[in-house]
Amino acid sequence: MSTISVRNVSKTFAMRSGTRTALDSVSLEIPSGSFTCIVGASGCGKSTLLNMIGGLDTPSAGRIEVAGSVVEGPGPERGMVFQSYALYPWLRVRQNVEFGLRMTKRPKSTWKQVSEGLLEEMGLSDFADAYPRELSGGMRQRVAIARALATDPPVMLMDEPFGALDALTRIGAQRLLLDIWQRHRRTIVFVTHDINEALLLGDQLVVLSSSPGRVKELIPVGFSRPRTAEIAGTAEFTQLRERVLSMIFDTSPQSARRPDVRSASA
């Protein structure tokens, strides 16, 4: 059974000059426990689609279901991580991680146990009482991931979470995320502009056309796991990357097709 089902979803925005269609008849299935990356040119609707799955925005047409229920707003079963970290600067690290537990009214007796476990997993135990401003960018993003994981959501939605990190920090964050995913097997939907990152992390790639965003193709990523950065030097990786890039930069009207809904197994 698919954890996430997107069925003929379109999104139109009203503008002063008229209307703009950001997404047009997007359909896809995301299997439970899989790692799906959404790629495409800037402005193709990647973040819009992710926000609608998260319930932060609504489709103009079509519908989105998570675990068989229609998405009508945010929910505790969907954790979100953004590029901007979105931490509360007046709260300490531990308090940021525990924030979702407070909002979902989890027993107070469990807060410390959950936050301590996640901070240890993220390598942040020594910074539990620090404020976000006292952390590096990579550490702040680890806090944001820990906060999203604290309520134990089966679905994680991530919008360019490593986009602001330097190259070495980004590699470390990617490895940490893969380790977390392989141990906990949550369903992850991950938006990125970095094709190498998508191929390193994903089970499948959703390639969107330029505006309006349509699904060009759902590409299974068959590289064995665990994956390391070394696969980027292989001929198979290079060939698949070039294939994805050629799709993204092909702007001819015939290039965006509406494929049958397919998915890659986890």
Protein backbone atom coordinates (compact mmCIF):
# COMPACT_ATOMS: atom_id res chain seq x y z
CA MET A 1 0.00 0.00 0.00
CA SER A 2 1.26 3.46 -0.85
CA THR A 3 1.85 5.77 2.09
CA ILE A 4 1.33 8.82 -0.13
CA SER A 5 -0.97 9.03 -3.14
CA VAL A 6 -1.09 12.16 -5.33
CA ARG A 7 -4.00 12.02 -7.75
CA ASN A 8 -4.36 14.46 -10.65
CA VAL A 9 -3.21 17.37 -8.51
CA SER A 10 -3.03 20.86 -10.02
CA LYS A 11 -2.18 24.13 -8.32
CA THR A 12 -3.03 27.58 -9.69
CA PHE A 13 -2.04 30.87 -8.11
CA ALA A 14 -3.87 34.17 -8.60
CA MET A 15 -1.56 36.97 -9.72
CA ARG A 16 -2.07 40.62 -10.56
CA SER A 17 -1.59 39.83 -14.24
CA GLY A 18 -3.91 36.81 -14.13
CA THR A 19 -3.32 33.25 -12.96
CA ARG A 20 -0.28 30.99 -13.01
CA THR A 21 -0.42 27.21 -13.03
CA ALA A 22 2.40 25.88 -10.87
CA LEU A 23 1.47 22.19 -11.13
CA ASP A 24 -0.68 20.47 -13.73
CA SER A 25 -2.31 17.06 -13.25
CA VAL A 26 0.44 15.53 -11.14
CA SER A 27 -0.08 11.89 -10.16
CA LEU A 28 2.34 9.63 -8.32
CA GLU A 29 2.48 6.92 -5.68
CA ILE A 30 5.09 6.87 -2.91
CA PRO A 31 5.50 3.47 -1.22
CA SER A 32 5.65 3.10 2.54
CA GLY A 33 9.21 3.19 3.87
CA SER A 34 10.70 4.49 0.62
CA PHE A 35 13.01 7.45 0.03
CA THR A 36 11.68 9.59 -2.84
CA CYS A 37 13.49 12.64 -4.21
CA ILE A 38 11.72 15.34 -6.22
CA VAL A 39 13.92 17.15 -8.74
CA GLY A 40 13.39 19.76 -11.44
CA ALA A 41 14.28 23.26 -12.50
CA SER A 42 13.67 26.24 -10.20
CA GLY A 43 10.01 27.25 -10.23
CA CYS A 44 8.69 23.87 -11.39
CA GLY A 45 6.56 23.39 -8.26
CA LYS A 46 8.71 21.03 -6.17
CA SER A 47 8.20 22.91 -2.90
CA THR A 48 4.56 23.58 -3.74
CA LEU A 49 3.94 19.85 -4.11
CA LEU A 50 5.77 19.09 -0.87
CA ASN A 51 3.80 21.77 1.00
CA MET A 52 0.52 20.30 -0.24
CA ILE A 53 1.55 16.82 0.94
CA GLY A 54 2.37 18.44 4.29
CA GLY A 55 -1.00 20.18 4.44
CA LEU A 56 0.52 23.68 4.40
CA ASP A 57 -1.18 24.41 1.07
CA THR A 58 -4.19 22.97 -0.77
CA PRO A 59 -4.56 21.69 -4.35
CA SER A 60 -6.68 23.67 -6.81
CA ALA A 61 -7.77 20.32 -8.25
CA GLY A 62 -7.19 16.66 -7.43
CA ARG A 63 -6.41 15.21 -4.04
CA ILE A 64 -3.60 13.90 -1.88
CA GLU A 65 -3.90 10.98 0.52
CA VAL A 66 -1.51 9.87 3.25
CA ALA A 67 -2.09 6.36 4.62
CA GLY A 68 -5.52 6.33 2.98
CA SER A 69 -6.74 9.62 4.48
CA VAL A 70 -7.22 12.79 2.43
CA VAL A 71 -4.81 15.56 3.44
CA GLU A 72 -6.79 18.54 4.71
CA GLY A 73 -4.11 20.24 6.77
CA PRO A 74 -0.92 19.57 8.77
CA GLY A 75 -0.84 16.45 10.92
CA PRO A 76 1.48 14.75 13.42
CA GLU A 77 2.01 11.83 11.04
CA ARG A 78 3.98 14.16 8.73
CA GLY A 79 7.17 15.75 10.03
CA MET A 80 8.64 18.64 8.03
CA VAL A 81 12.21 19.92 7.75
CA PHE A 82 13.00 23.14 5.88
CA GLN A 83 16.18 24.67 4.49
CA SER A 84 16.00 27.59 6.93
CA TYR A 85 16.17 25.33 10.05
CA ALA A 86 13.06 27.07 11.52
CA LEU A 87 14.26 26.65 15.11
CA TYR A 88 12.91 28.81 17.92
CA PRO A 89 15.86 31.05 18.88
CA TRP A 90 14.57 31.69 22.41
CA LEU A 91 14.46 27.95 23.20
CA ARG A 92 17.43 25.79 24.04
CA VAL A 93 18.28 22.78 21.87
CA ARG A 94 16.50 20.31 24.15
CA GLN A 95 13.42 22.53 24.29
CA ASN A 96 13.34 22.82 20.50
CA VAL A 97 13.42 19.04 20.14
CA GLU A 98 10.66 18.69 22.74
CA PHE A 99 8.43 21.35 21.17
CA GLY A 100 6.42 18.92 19.03
CA LEU A 101 5.90 16.64 22.02
CA ARG A 102 4.38 19.56 23.91
CA MET A 103 2.09 20.46 21.00
CA THR A 104 0.84 16.90 20.60
CA LYS A 105 0.28 16.66 24.36
CA ARG A 106 2.54 13.67 24.85
CA PRO A 107 3.06 12.78 28.52
CA LYS A 108 5.61 15.12 30.07
CA SER A 109 7.36 12.12 31.60
CA THR A 110 8.45 11.03 28.09
CA TRP A 111 9.87 14.37 26.90
CA LYS A 112 13.33 14.04 28.37
CA GLN A 113 13.72 10.40 27.37
CA VAL A 114 12.79 11.13 23.75
CA SER A 115 14.91 14.29 23.44
CA GLU A 116 17.97 12.72 25.07
CA GLY A 117 17.78 9.71 22.76
CA LEU A 118 17.50 11.86 19.64
CA LEU A 119 20.24 14.26 20.71
CA GLU A 120 22.55 11.32 21.30
CA GLU A 121 21.64 9.88 17.88
CA MET A 122 22.42 13.24 16.27
CA GLY A 123 25.69 13.70 18.16
CA LEU A 124 24.31 16.73 20.03
CA SER A 125 24.15 15.54 23.64
CA ASP A 126 26.81 18.04 24.72
CA PHE A 127 24.75 20.91 23.25
CA ALA A 128 21.37 20.14 24.85
CA ASP A 129 21.38 23.42 26.80
CA ALA A 130 22.80 25.61 24.03
CA TYR A 131 20.76 28.12 22.03
CA PRO A 132 20.51 27.77 18.22
CA ARG A 133 22.69 30.87 17.70
CA GLU A 134 25.54 29.04 19.43
CA LEU A 135 25.51 26.18 16.89
CA SER A 136 26.92 25.79 13.40
CA GLY A 137 24.56 25.52 10.44
CA GLY A 138 24.98 21.75 10.24
CA MET A 139 24.27 21.34 13.95
CA ARG A 140 21.15 23.50 13.71
CA GLN A 141 19.86 21.33 10.89
CA ARG A 142 20.46 18.23 12.97
CA VAL A 143 18.36 19.82 15.73
CA ALA A 144 15.62 20.50 13.17
CA ILE A 145 15.68 16.86 12.06
CA ALA A 146 15.60 15.67 15.68
CA ARG A 147 12.60 17.91 16.36
CA ALA A 148 10.76 16.49 13.34
CA LEU A 149 11.54 12.93 14.50
CA ALA A 150 10.50 13.52 18.11
CA THR A 151 6.80 12.83 17.51
CA ASP A 152 7.72 9.63 15.64
CA PRO A 153 6.00 10.52 12.34
CA PRO A 154 5.85 7.75 9.72
CA VAL A 155 6.37 10.38 6.98
CA MET A 156 9.19 12.92 6.75
CA LEU A 157 8.93 15.80 4.26
CA MET A 158 12.20 17.62 3.61
CA ASP A 159 12.58 20.78 1.47
CA GLU A 160 16.22 21.40 0.47
CA PRO A 161 17.31 20.64 4.06
CA PHE A 162 21.02 20.70 3.23
CA GLY A 163 20.99 23.49 0.66
CA ALA A 164 22.62 26.07 2.94
CA LEU A 165 25.42 23.80 4.15
CA ASP A 166 29.01 23.80 2.92
CA ALA A 167 30.14 20.80 0.88
CA LEU A 168 31.79 18.79 3.67
CA THR A 169 29.01 19.46 6.19
CA ARG A 170 26.47 18.48 3.55
CA ILE A 171 28.15 15.11 2.97
CA GLY A 172 28.07 14.43 6.71
CA ALA A 173 24.40 15.41 6.91
CA GLN A 174 23.53 13.14 3.98
CA ARG A 175 25.26 10.20 5.64
CA LEU A 176 23.48 10.89 8.91
CA LEU A 177 20.09 11.07 7.20
CA LEU A 178 20.69 7.79 5.34
CA ASP A 179 21.70 6.13 8.58
CA ILE A 180 18.55 7.40 10.31
CA TRP A 181 16.35 6.29 7.43
CA GLN A 182 17.90 2.82 7.25
CA ARG A 183 17.42 2.31 11.00
CA HIS A 184 13.92 3.75 11.34
CA ARG A 185 12.53 3.18 7.81
CA ARG A 186 10.25 6.19 7.67
CA THR A 187 8.82 7.32 4.36
CA ILE A 188 10.88 10.30 3.19
CA VAL A 189 10.00 12.79 0.46
CA PHE A 190 13.00 14.98 -0.24
CA VAL A 191 13.14 18.05 -2.50
CA THR A 192 16.57 18.96 -3.90
CA HIS A 193 18.23 20.82 -6.77
CA ASP A 194 21.31 18.60 -6.44
CA ILE A 195 21.03 15.60 -8.78
CA ASN A 196 24.04 13.88 -7.19
CA GLU A 197 22.33 14.19 -3.80
CA ALA A 198 19.08 12.78 -5.17
CA LEU A 199 20.84 9.77 -6.69
CA LEU A 200 22.83 9.14 -3.52
CA LEU A 201 19.78 9.24 -1.26
CA GLY A 202 16.72 8.16 -3.24
CA ASP A 203 14.94 4.94 -4.09
CA GLN A 204 13.14 6.81 -6.84
CA LEU A 205 13.31 10.23 -8.48
CA VAL A 206 10.26 12.25 -9.45
CA VAL A 207 11.41 14.46 -12.35
CA LEU A 208 9.15 17.50 -12.85
CA SER A 209 8.99 19.56 -16.02
CA SER A 210 9.40 23.32 -16.01
CA SER A 211 6.38 25.46 -15.24
CA PRO A 212 3.76 24.21 -15.15
CA GLY A 213 5.18 21.26 -13.28
CA ARG A 214 4.17 17.89 -14.65
CA VAL A 215 5.67 14.48 -13.95
CA LYS A 216 8.10 13.74 -16.77
CA GLU A 217 9.18 10.43 -15.36
CA LEU A 218 9.48 8.37 -12.19
CA ILE A 219 12.98 6.91 -12.23
CA PRO A 220 13.91 3.96 -9.98
CA VAL A 221 17.41 4.29 -8.52
CA GLY A 222 18.83 0.80 -8.45
CA PHE A 223 22.19 1.36 -6.75
CA SER A 224 22.70 -1.07 -3.87
CA ARG A 225 22.72 0.15 -0.29
CA PRO A 226 24.45 1.27 1.81
CA ARG A 227 25.63 3.98 -0.60
CA THR A 228 28.67 6.17 -0.28
CA ALA A 229 29.87 9.19 -2.23
CA GLU A 230 32.19 6.88 -4.21
CA ILE A 231 29.29 5.72 -6.40
CA ALA A 232 29.30 9.19 -8.00
CA GLY A 233 32.46 8.17 -9.84
CA THR A 234 30.91 5.13 -11.52
CA ALA A 235 29.81 5.02 -15.15
CA GLU A 236 26.29 3.93 -14.16
CA PHE A 237 25.90 6.93 -11.85
CA THR A 238 27.18 9.36 -14.48
CA GLN A 239 24.87 7.93 -17.12
CA LEU A 240 21.80 8.20 -14.89
CA ARG A 241 22.73 11.74 -13.80
CA GLU A 242 23.06 12.85 -17.43
CA ARG A 243 19.70 11.28 -18.22
CA VAL A 244 18.02 13.23 -15.41
CA LEU A 245 19.75 16.48 -16.36
CA SER A 246 18.69 16.10 -19.99
CA MET A 247 15.07 15.76 -18.85
CA ILE A 248 15.25 18.82 -16.63
CA PHE A 249 16.79 21.06 -19.28
CA ASP A 250 14.60 19.84 -22.15
CA THR A 251 11.93 22.54 -22.29
CA SER A 252 10.14 21.47 -25.47
CA PRO A 253 6.35 21.12 -25.05
CA GLN A 254 6.50 17.48 -26.10
CA SER A 255 9.02 16.62 -23.39
CA ALA A 256 6.57 16.68 -20.47
CA ARG A 257 4.36 13.67 -20.64
CA ARG A 258 1.90 12.25 -18.21
CA PRO A 259 3.13 8.75 -17.45
CA ASP A 260 1.14 5.96 -15.97
CA VAL A 261 1.45 6.07 -12.23
CA ARG A 262 4.42 3.92 -11.27
CA SER A 263 6.63 3.59 -8.23
CA ALA A 264 9.88 2.05 -7.18
CA SER A 265 9.80 -0.50 -4.43
CA ALA A 266 11.60 0.37 -1.23
